Amino acid sequence: MSATSDGRRPELEPSATDEDLLASAPTVSSAVSVRFEPSTRGYVLVAPARAFVLNATATEVVLRCSGERALAAIIEELAAESEEPARVRAEVIAFVRELSRRGVLELRGERARRARSPA
């Protein structure tokens, strides 16, 4: 995984707001691959020395994380398919925040850069 100029991984700082996260464009880290696992009929994120088995909802989120669209747009799309859009928003934010913290997702965009900068 690439590091920022100060040696940190490009992930979300704990103090970043939901708005910073929503404005970022998440993408799967270059050190991680997304693979379909025929034995489980599901997707797996394979990172160095670890793997994450994705359920159907997590798969829908990760497959949309191309670094091209803001997380807010991804959530809007997923929430439109749900009867509980507020729950979808909260769960996707928490999921992306956690994968970012673990270095599995990288966040792109100006607000993501500001969120990573020291205060």
C-alpha atoms as a PDB file:
ATOM      1  CA  MET A   1       0.000   0.000   0.000  1.00  0.00           C
ATOM      2  CA  SER A   2       1.354   3.409  -0.838  1.00  0.00           C
ATOM      3  CA  ALA A   3       2.088   5.942   1.877  1.00  0.00           C
ATOM      4  CA  THR A   4       1.538   9.686   2.029  1.00  0.00           C
ATOM      5  CA  SER A   5       4.503  12.086   2.013  1.00  0.00           C
ATOM      6  CA  ASP A   6       4.724  11.822   5.812  1.00  0.00           C
ATOM      7  CA  GLY A   7       4.793   8.002   5.648  1.00  0.00           C
ATOM      8  CA  ARG A   8       1.195   7.384   6.692  1.00  0.00           C
ATOM      9  CA  ARG A   9      -1.195   5.196   4.742  1.00  0.00           C
ATOM     10  CA  PRO A  10      -3.905   7.150   2.894  1.00  0.00           C
ATOM     11  CA  GLU A  11      -6.752   6.260   5.220  1.00  0.00           C
ATOM     12  CA  LEU A  12      -9.297   8.266   7.132  1.00  0.00           C
ATOM     13  CA  GLU A  13      -8.148   9.946  10.335  1.00  0.00           C
ATOM     14  CA  PRO A  14     -10.270   9.117  13.406  1.00  0.00           C
ATOM     15  CA  SER A  15     -11.262  12.787  13.748  1.00  0.00           C
ATOM     16  CA  ALA A  16     -12.703  12.963  10.225  1.00  0.00           C
ATOM     17  CA  THR A  17     -16.382  13.776  10.064  1.00  0.00           C
ATOM     18  CA  ASP A  18     -19.050  11.794   8.255  1.00  0.00           C
ATOM     19  CA  GLU A  19     -19.211  14.679   5.754  1.00  0.00           C
ATOM     20  CA  ASP A  20     -15.495  14.228   4.963  1.00  0.00           C
ATOM     21  CA  LEU A  21     -16.070  10.531   4.434  1.00  0.00           C
ATOM     22  CA  LEU A  22     -19.191  11.106   2.299  1.00  0.00           C
ATOM     23  CA  ALA A  23     -17.263  13.524   0.052  1.00  0.00           C
ATOM     24  CA  SER A  24     -14.396  11.079  -0.468  1.00  0.00           C
ATOM     25  CA  ALA A  25     -14.254   8.586  -3.322  1.00  0.00           C
ATOM     26  CA  PRO A  26     -13.302   5.217  -1.819  1.00  0.00           C
ATOM     27  CA  THR A  27     -11.291   2.674  -3.771  1.00  0.00           C
ATOM     28  CA  VAL A  28      -9.869  -0.729  -2.927  1.00  0.00           C
ATOM     29  CA  SER A  29      -6.213  -0.440  -1.941  1.00  0.00           C
ATOM     30  CA  SER A  30      -3.695  -1.531  -4.562  1.00  0.00           C
ATOM     31  CA  ALA A  31      -2.416  -4.133  -2.067  1.00  0.00           C
ATOM     32  CA  VAL A  32      -5.867  -5.756  -1.889  1.00  0.00           C
ATOM     33  CA  SER A  33      -7.680  -7.846  -4.456  1.00  0.00           C
ATOM     34  CA  VAL A  34     -11.389  -8.547  -4.757  1.00  0.00           C
ATOM     35  CA  ARG A  35     -12.025 -12.143  -5.741  1.00  0.00           C
ATOM     36  CA  PHE A  36     -15.075 -14.263  -6.334  1.00  0.00           C
ATOM     37  CA  GLU A  37     -14.788 -17.461  -4.309  1.00  0.00           C
ATOM     38  CA  PRO A  38     -16.717 -20.248  -6.067  1.00  0.00           C
ATOM     39  CA  SER A  39     -16.795 -22.477  -2.977  1.00  0.00           C
ATOM     40  CA  THR A  40     -18.774 -19.870  -1.021  1.00  0.00           C
ATOM     41  CA  ARG A  41     -20.418 -18.246  -4.049  1.00  0.00           C
ATOM     42  CA  GLY A  42     -19.360 -14.912  -2.661  1.00  0.00           C
ATOM     43  CA  TYR A  43     -16.638 -12.285  -2.781  1.00  0.00           C
ATOM     44  CA  VAL A  44     -13.522 -12.054  -0.640  1.00  0.00           C
ATOM     45  CA  LEU A  45     -11.134  -9.152  -0.087  1.00  0.00           C
ATOM     46  CA  VAL A  46      -7.626 -10.599  -0.040  1.00  0.00           C
ATOM     47  CA  ALA A  47      -5.011  -8.440   1.666  1.00  0.00           C
ATOM     48  CA  PRO A  48      -1.479  -9.298   2.727  1.00  0.00           C
ATOM     49  CA  ALA A  49      -1.725 -11.833   5.592  1.00  0.00           C
ATOM     50  CA  ARG A  50      -5.522 -11.535   5.887  1.00  0.00           C
ATOM     51  CA  ALA A  51      -8.781 -11.977   4.044  1.00  0.00           C
ATOM     52  CA  PHE A  52     -12.282 -10.611   4.521  1.00  0.00           C
ATOM     53  CA  VAL A  53     -15.290 -12.685   3.456  1.00  0.00           C
ATOM     54  CA  LEU A  54     -17.979 -10.309   2.230  1.00  0.00           C
ATOM     55  CA  ASN A  55     -21.692 -10.796   2.650  1.00  0.00           C
ATOM     56  CA  ALA A  56     -24.039  -9.666  -0.129  1.00  0.00           C
ATOM     57  CA  THR A  57     -24.422  -6.132   1.229  1.00  0.00           C
ATOM     58  CA  ALA A  58     -20.686  -5.632   1.773  1.00  0.00           C
ATOM     59  CA  THR A  59     -20.081  -6.911  -1.759  1.00  0.00           C
ATOM     60  CA  GLU A  60     -22.487  -4.310  -3.172  1.00  0.00           C
ATOM     61  CA  VAL A  61     -20.555  -1.570  -1.368  1.00  0.00           C
ATOM     62  CA  VAL A  62     -17.050  -2.765  -2.257  1.00  0.00           C
ATOM     63  CA  LEU A  63     -17.829  -3.355  -5.935  1.00  0.00           C
ATOM     64  CA  ARG A  64     -18.971   0.277  -6.187  1.00  0.00           C
ATOM     65  CA  CYS A  65     -15.751   1.616  -4.594  1.00  0.00           C
ATOM     66  CA  SER A  66     -13.846   2.433  -7.778  1.00  0.00           C
ATOM     67  CA  GLY A  67     -12.459   5.800  -6.660  1.00  0.00           C
ATOM     68  CA  GLU A  68     -14.600   7.510  -9.288  1.00  0.00           C
ATOM     69  CA  ARG A  69     -17.700   8.357  -7.231  1.00  0.00           C
ATOM     70  CA  ALA A  70     -18.163   9.974  -3.860  1.00  0.00           C
ATOM     71  CA  LEU A  71     -19.358   7.744  -1.074  1.00  0.00           C
ATOM     72  CA  ALA A  72     -22.498   9.902  -0.837  1.00  0.00           C
ATOM     73  CA  ALA A  73     -23.457   8.845  -4.390  1.00  0.00           C
ATOM     74  CA  ILE A  74     -22.813   5.189  -3.597  1.00  0.00           C
ATOM     75  CA  ILE A  75     -24.983   5.422  -0.485  1.00  0.00           C
ATOM     76  CA  GLU A  76     -27.744   7.228  -2.392  1.00  0.00           C
ATOM     77  CA  GLU A  77     -27.816   4.411  -4.930  1.00  0.00           C
ATOM     78  CA  LEU A  78     -27.920   1.686  -2.271  1.00  0.00           C
ATOM     79  CA  ALA A  79     -30.468   3.539  -0.122  1.00  0.00           C
ATOM     80  CA  ALA A  80     -32.812   3.843  -3.111  1.00  0.00           C
ATOM     81  CA  GLU A  81     -33.002   0.031  -3.129  1.00  0.00           C
ATOM     82  CA  SER A  82     -33.885  -0.146   0.573  1.00  0.00           C
ATOM     83  CA  GLU A  83     -36.913   0.469   2.740  1.00  0.00           C
ATOM     84  CA  GLU A  84     -34.574   1.801   5.461  1.00  0.00           C
ATOM     85  CA  PRO A  85     -32.331   4.435   3.819  1.00  0.00           C
ATOM     86  CA  ALA A  86     -31.144   5.927   7.132  1.00  0.00           C
ATOM     87  CA  ARG A  87     -29.956   2.509   8.293  1.00  0.00           C
ATOM     88  CA  VAL A  88     -28.189   1.923   4.980  1.00  0.00           C
ATOM     89  CA  ARG A  89     -26.403   5.274   5.292  1.00  0.00           C
ATOM     90  CA  ALA A  90     -25.232   4.597   8.855  1.00  0.00           C
ATOM     91  CA  GLU A  91     -24.087   1.051   8.118  1.00  0.00           C
ATOM     92  CA  VAL A  92     -22.227   1.938   4.918  1.00  0.00           C
ATOM     93  CA  ILE A  93     -20.445   4.844   6.617  1.00  0.00           C
ATOM     94  CA  ALA A  94     -19.379   2.576   9.491  1.00  0.00           C
ATOM     95  CA  PHE A  95     -18.278  -0.183   7.086  1.00  0.00           C
ATOM     96  CA  VAL A  96     -16.220   2.129   4.866  1.00  0.00           C
ATOM     97  CA  ARG A  97     -14.709   3.855   7.896  1.00  0.00           C
ATOM     98  CA  GLU A  98     -13.605   0.478   9.300  1.00  0.00           C
ATOM     99  CA  LEU A  99     -12.161  -0.789   6.009  1.00  0.00           C
ATOM    100  CA  SER A 100     -10.318   2.504   5.627  1.00  0.00           C
ATOM    101  CA  ARG A 101      -8.954   2.195   9.168  1.00  0.00           C
ATOM    102  CA  ARG A 102      -7.677  -1.279   8.303  1.00  0.00           C
ATOM    103  CA  GLY A 103      -6.037  -0.026   5.097  1.00  0.00           C
ATOM    104  CA  VAL A 104      -8.296  -2.068   2.818  1.00  0.00           C
ATOM    105  CA  LEU A 105      -9.957   0.994   1.276  1.00  0.00           C
ATOM    106  CA  GLU A 106      -8.220   4.217   0.307  1.00  0.00           C
ATOM    107  CA  LEU A 107     -10.085   7.503   0.144  1.00  0.00           C
ATOM    108  CA  ARG A 108      -9.650   9.983  -2.688  1.00  0.00           C
ATOM    109  CA  GLY A 109     -10.674  13.594  -3.036  1.00  0.00           C
ATOM    110  CA  GLU A 110      -9.874  16.964  -1.488  1.00  0.00           C
ATOM    111  CA  ARG A 111     -11.895  16.428   1.689  1.00  0.00           C
ATOM    112  CA  ALA A 112     -10.317  13.008   2.160  1.00  0.00           C
ATOM    113  CA  ARG A 113      -6.872  14.675   1.940  1.00  0.00           C
ATOM    114  CA  ARG A 114      -7.938  17.298   4.482  1.00  0.00           C
ATOM    115  CA  ALA A 115      -9.291  14.559   6.728  1.00  0.00           C
ATOM    116  CA  ARG A 116      -5.899  12.843   6.635  1.00  0.00           C
ATOM    117  CA  SER A 117      -3.939  16.030   7.387  1.00  0.00           C
ATOM    118  CA  PRO A 118      -2.848  16.689  10.968  1.00  0.00           C
ATOM    119  CA  ALA A 119      -4.950  19.314  12.743  1.00  0.00           C
END
